[in-house]
């Protein structure tokens, strides 16, 4: 079963599915140990993680 990612648009923030253009920003977040200190996965060390 496939579930689509919802989009949410309000006066200020907007929630939408990730696109290829978001790759660098996602990598910057996912490779920062401070951002991930409470997550159950280690920081990314390989930019190939963006594609996954």
PDB file of N, CA and C in Angstrom:
ATOM      1  N   UNK A   1       0.851  -1.176   0.000  1.00  0.00           N
ATOM      2  CA  UNK A   1       0.000   0.000   0.000  1.00  0.00           C
ATOM      3  C   UNK A   1       0.894   1.236   0.000  1.00  0.00           C
ATOM      4  N   UNK A   2       0.581   2.196  -0.835  1.00  0.00           N
ATOM      5  CA  UNK A   2       1.346   3.426  -0.941  1.00  0.00           C
ATOM      6  C   UNK A   2       0.564   4.570  -0.317  1.00  0.00           C
ATOM      7  N   UNK A   3       1.248   5.365   0.477  1.00  0.00           N
ATOM      8  CA  UNK A   3       0.619   6.514   1.111  1.00  0.00           C
ATOM      9  C   UNK A   3       1.297   7.761   0.564  1.00  0.00           C
ATOM     10  N   UNK A   4       0.528   8.699   0.077  1.00  0.00           N
ATOM     11  CA  UNK A   4       1.114   9.916  -0.471  1.00  0.00           C
ATOM     12  C   UNK A   4       1.494  10.869   0.655  1.00  0.00           C
ATOM     13  N   UNK A   5       2.495  11.679   0.386  1.00  0.00           N
ATOM     14  CA  UNK A   5       2.937  12.681   1.354  1.00  0.00           C
ATOM     15  C   UNK A   5       2.034  13.896   1.233  1.00  0.00           C
ATOM     16  N   UNK A   6       1.463  14.344   2.329  1.00  0.00           N
ATOM     17  CA  UNK A   6       0.551  15.482   2.253  1.00  0.00           C
ATOM     18  C   UNK A   6       1.307  16.793   2.067  1.00  0.00           C
ATOM     19  N   UNK A   7       0.624  17.780   1.558  1.00  0.00           N
ATOM     20  CA  UNK A   7       1.135  19.143   1.488  1.00  0.00           C
ATOM     21  C   UNK A   7       0.262  20.000   2.387  1.00  0.00           C
ATOM     22  N   UNK A   8       0.871  20.948   3.049  1.00  0.00           N
ATOM     23  CA  UNK A   8       0.151  21.833   3.946  1.00  0.00           C
ATOM     24  C   UNK A   8       0.652  23.244   3.701  1.00  0.00           C
ATOM     25  N   UNK A   9      -0.243  24.145   3.401  1.00  0.00           N
ATOM     26  CA  UNK A   9       0.139  25.526   3.151  1.00  0.00           C
ATOM     27  C   UNK A   9      -0.649  26.408   4.108  1.00  0.00           C
ATOM     28  N   UNK A  10       0.075  27.230   4.861  1.00  0.00           N
ATOM     29  CA  UNK A  10      -0.558  28.177   5.770  1.00  0.00           C
ATOM     30  C   UNK A  10      -0.063  29.574   5.407  1.00  0.00           C
ATOM     31  N   UNK A  11      -0.407  30.537   6.225  1.00  0.00           N
ATOM     32  CA  UNK A  11       0.014  31.907   5.935  1.00  0.00           C
ATOM     33  C   UNK A  11       1.532  32.036   5.867  1.00  0.00           C
ATOM     34  N   UNK A  12       2.267  31.333   6.734  1.00  0.00           N
ATOM     35  CA  UNK A  12       3.722  31.437   6.734  1.00  0.00           C
ATOM     36  C   UNK A  12       4.413  30.135   6.347  1.00  0.00           C
ATOM     37  N   UNK A  13       4.370  29.095   7.166  1.00  0.00           N
ATOM     38  CA  UNK A  13       5.103  27.879   6.791  1.00  0.00           C
ATOM     39  C   UNK A  13       4.379  27.063   5.725  1.00  0.00           C
ATOM     40  N   UNK A  14       5.177  26.252   5.044  1.00  0.00           N
ATOM     41  CA  UNK A  14       4.615  25.350   4.044  1.00  0.00           C
ATOM     42  C   UNK A  14       5.276  23.990   4.216  1.00  0.00           C
ATOM     43  N   UNK A  15       4.484  22.953   4.301  1.00  0.00           N
ATOM     44  CA  UNK A  15       4.963  21.583   4.405  1.00  0.00           C
ATOM     45  C   UNK A  15       4.666  20.900   3.085  1.00  0.00           C
ATOM     46  N   UNK A  16       5.696  20.308   2.480  1.00  0.00           N
ATOM     47  CA  UNK A  16       5.537  19.661   1.184  1.00  0.00           C
ATOM     48  C   UNK A  16       6.508  18.505   1.089  1.00  0.00           C
ATOM     49  N   UNK A  17       6.310  17.605   0.159  1.00  0.00           N
ATOM     50  CA  UNK A  17       7.268  16.508  -0.029  1.00  0.00           C
ATOM     51  C   UNK A  17       8.619  17.053  -0.471  1.00  0.00           C
ATOM     52  N   UNK A  18       9.675  16.335  -0.129  1.00  0.00           N
ATOM     53  CA  UNK A  18      11.009  16.734  -0.573  1.00  0.00           C
ATOM     54  C   UNK A  18      11.130  16.602  -2.080  1.00  0.00           C
ATOM     55  N   UNK A  19      11.977  17.441  -2.659  1.00  0.00           N
ATOM     56  CA  UNK A  19      12.301  17.348  -4.080  1.00  0.00           C
ATOM     57  C   UNK A  19      13.807  17.215  -4.217  1.00  0.00           C
ATOM     58  N   UNK A  20      14.285  16.937  -5.422  1.00  0.00           N
ATOM     59  CA  UNK A  20      15.719  16.824  -5.666  1.00  0.00           C
ATOM     60  C   UNK A  20      16.442  18.129  -5.316  1.00  0.00           C
ATOM     61  N   UNK A  21      15.774  19.240  -5.456  1.00  0.00           N
ATOM     62  CA  UNK A  21      16.379  20.537  -5.138  1.00  0.00           C
ATOM     63  C   UNK A  21      16.657  20.697  -3.641  1.00  0.00           C
ATOM     64  N   UNK A  22      16.039  19.884  -2.802  1.00  0.00           N
ATOM     65  CA  UNK A  22      16.238  19.956  -1.350  1.00  0.00           C
ATOM     66  C   UNK A  22      17.456  19.159  -0.878  1.00  0.00           C
ATOM     67  N   UNK A  23      18.101  18.434  -1.778  1.00  0.00           N
ATOM     68  CA  UNK A  23      19.165  17.506  -1.402  1.00  0.00           C
ATOM     69  C   UNK A  23      20.271  18.101  -0.554  1.00  0.00           C
ATOM     70  N   UNK A  24      20.807  19.241  -0.938  1.00  0.00           N
ATOM     71  CA  UNK A  24      21.908  19.841  -0.176  1.00  0.00           C
ATOM     72  C   UNK A  24      21.471  20.242   1.230  1.00  0.00           C
ATOM     73  N   UNK A  25      20.270  20.788   1.341  1.00  0.00           N
ATOM     74  CA  UNK A  25      19.764  21.187   2.663  1.00  0.00           C
ATOM     75  C   UNK A  25      19.513  19.976   3.556  1.00  0.00           C
ATOM     76  N   UNK A  26      18.968  18.916   2.978  1.00  0.00           N
ATOM     77  CA  UNK A  26      18.726  17.692   3.745  1.00  0.00           C
ATOM     78  C   UNK A  26      20.050  17.100   4.218  1.00  0.00           C
ATOM     79  N   UNK A  27      21.022  17.062   3.340  1.00  0.00           N
ATOM     80  CA  UNK A  27      22.331  16.528   3.725  1.00  0.00           C
ATOM     81  C   UNK A  27      22.943  17.357   4.855  1.00  0.00           C
ATOM     82  N   UNK A  28      22.830  18.665   4.761  1.00  0.00           N
ATOM     83  CA  UNK A  28      23.381  19.548   5.801  1.00  0.00           C
ATOM     84  C   UNK A  28      22.753  19.230   7.161  1.00  0.00           C
ATOM     85  N   UNK A  29      21.456  19.000   7.194  1.00  0.00           N
ATOM     86  CA  UNK A  29      20.789  18.641   8.454  1.00  0.00           C
ATOM     87  C   UNK A  29      21.179  17.245   8.930  1.00  0.00           C
ATOM     88  N   UNK A  30      21.108  16.270   8.027  1.00  0.00           N
ATOM     89  CA  UNK A  30      21.333  14.874   8.399  1.00  0.00           C
ATOM     90  C   UNK A  30      22.795  14.557   8.705  1.00  0.00           C
ATOM     91  N   UNK A  31      23.712  15.433   8.364  1.00  0.00           N
ATOM     92  CA  UNK A  31      25.121  15.184   8.656  1.00  0.00           C
ATOM     93  C   UNK A  31      25.597  15.963   9.882  1.00  0.00           C
ATOM     94  N   UNK A  32      24.705  16.685  10.528  1.00  0.00           N
ATOM     95  CA  UNK A  32      25.056  17.492  11.703  1.00  0.00           C
ATOM     96  C   UNK A  32      24.790  16.684  12.976  1.00  0.00           C
ATOM     97  N   UNK A  33      25.851  16.335  13.720  1.00  0.00           N
ATOM     98  CA  UNK A  33      25.667  15.524  14.940  1.00  0.00           C
ATOM     99  C   UNK A  33      24.781  16.204  15.992  1.00  0.00           C
ATOM    100  N   UNK A  34      24.799  17.529  16.044  1.00  0.00           N
ATOM    101  CA  UNK A  34      23.961  18.234  17.024  1.00  0.00           C
ATOM    102  C   UNK A  34      22.481  18.076  16.664  1.00  0.00           C
ATOM    103  N   UNK A  35      22.162  18.169  15.394  1.00  0.00           N
ATOM    104  CA  UNK A  35      20.770  18.008  14.950  1.00  0.00           C
ATOM    105  C   UNK A  35      20.285  16.593  15.259  1.00  0.00           C
ATOM    106  N   UNK A  36      21.158  15.605  15.087  1.00  0.00           N
ATOM    107  CA  UNK A  36      20.749  14.203  15.227  1.00  0.00           C
ATOM    108  C   UNK A  36      21.022  13.603  16.608  1.00  0.00           C
ATOM    109  N   UNK A  37      21.374  14.406  17.572  1.00  0.00           N
ATOM    110  CA  UNK A  37      21.754  13.845  18.875  1.00  0.00           C
ATOM    111  C   UNK A  37      20.648  13.018  19.531  1.00  0.00           C
ATOM    112  N   UNK A  38      19.404  13.274  19.234  1.00  0.00           N
ATOM    113  CA  UNK A  38      18.310  12.513  19.832  1.00  0.00           C
ATOM    114  C   UNK A  38      17.621  11.579  18.840  1.00  0.00           C
ATOM    115  N   UNK A  39      18.156  11.429  17.650  1.00  0.00           N
ATOM    116  CA  UNK A  39      17.610  10.526  16.642  1.00  0.00           C
ATOM    117  C   UNK A  39      18.214   9.153  16.827  1.00  0.00           C
ATOM    118  N   UNK A  40      17.606   8.169  16.212  1.00  0.00           N
ATOM    119  CA  UNK A  40      18.095   6.796  16.347  1.00  0.00           C
ATOM    120  C   UNK A  40      18.999   6.384  15.184  1.00  0.00           C
ATOM    121  N   UNK A  41      19.570   7.358  14.476  1.00  0.00           N
ATOM    122  CA  UNK A  41      20.492   7.042  13.391  1.00  0.00           C
ATOM    123  C   UNK A  41      21.705   7.959  13.468  1.00  0.00           C
ATOM    124  N   UNK A  42      22.845   7.473  13.015  1.00  0.00           N
ATOM    125  CA  UNK A  42      24.058   8.303  13.065  1.00  0.00           C
ATOM    126  C   UNK A  42      24.022   9.369  11.966  1.00  0.00           C
ATOM    127  N   UNK A  43      24.815  10.422  12.126  1.00  0.00           N
ATOM    128  CA  UNK A  43      24.895  11.445  11.075  1.00  0.00           C
ATOM    129  C   UNK A  43      25.407  10.855   9.766  1.00  0.00           C
ATOM    130  N   UNK A  44      24.916  11.388   8.663  1.00  0.00           N
ATOM    131  CA  UNK A  44      25.374  10.954   7.358  1.00  0.00           C
ATOM    132  C   UNK A  44      26.817  11.396   7.140  1.00  0.00           C
ATOM    133  N   UNK A  45      27.596  10.566   6.519  1.00  0.00           N
ATOM    134  CA  UNK A  45      28.986  10.904   6.179  1.00  0.00           C
ATOM    135  C   UNK A  45      29.241  10.810   4.688  1.00  0.00           C
ATOM    136  N   UNK A  46      28.235  10.377   3.948  1.00  0.00           N
ATOM    137  CA  UNK A  46      28.365  10.138   2.516  1.00  0.00           C
ATOM    138  C   UNK A  46      27.242  10.855   1.778  1.00  0.00           C
ATOM    139  N   UNK A  47      27.602  11.719   0.839  1.00  0.00           N
ATOM    140  CA  UNK A  47      26.591  12.479   0.097  1.00  0.00           C
ATOM    141  C   UNK A  47      25.675  11.556  -0.732  1.00  0.00           C
ATOM    142  N   UNK A  48      26.083  10.321  -0.972  1.00  0.00           N
ATOM    143  CA  UNK A  48      25.225   9.382  -1.701  1.00  0.00           C
ATOM    144  C   UNK A  48      23.951   9.079  -0.893  1.00  0.00           C
ATOM    145  N   UNK A  49      23.968   9.371   0.391  1.00  0.00           N
ATOM    146  CA  UNK A  49      22.782   9.169   1.238  1.00  0.00           C
ATOM    147  C   UNK A  49      21.614  10.032   0.769  1.00  0.00           C
ATOM    148  N   UNK A  50      21.894  11.127   0.093  1.00  0.00           N
ATOM    149  CA  UNK A  50      20.839  12.016  -0.375  1.00  0.00           C
ATOM    150  C   UNK A  50      19.883  11.259  -1.297  1.00  0.00           C
ATOM    151  N   UNK A  51      20.430  10.465  -2.196  1.00  0.00           N
ATOM    152  CA  UNK A  51      19.603   9.744  -3.155  1.00  0.00           C
ATOM    153  C   UNK A  51      18.716   8.698  -2.502  1.00  0.00           C
ATOM    154  N   UNK A  52      19.180   8.129  -1.394  1.00  0.00           N
ATOM    155  CA  UNK A  52      18.381   7.106  -0.701  1.00  0.00           C
ATOM    156  C   UNK A  52      17.270   7.765   0.048  1.00  0.00           C
TER     157      UNK A  52
END
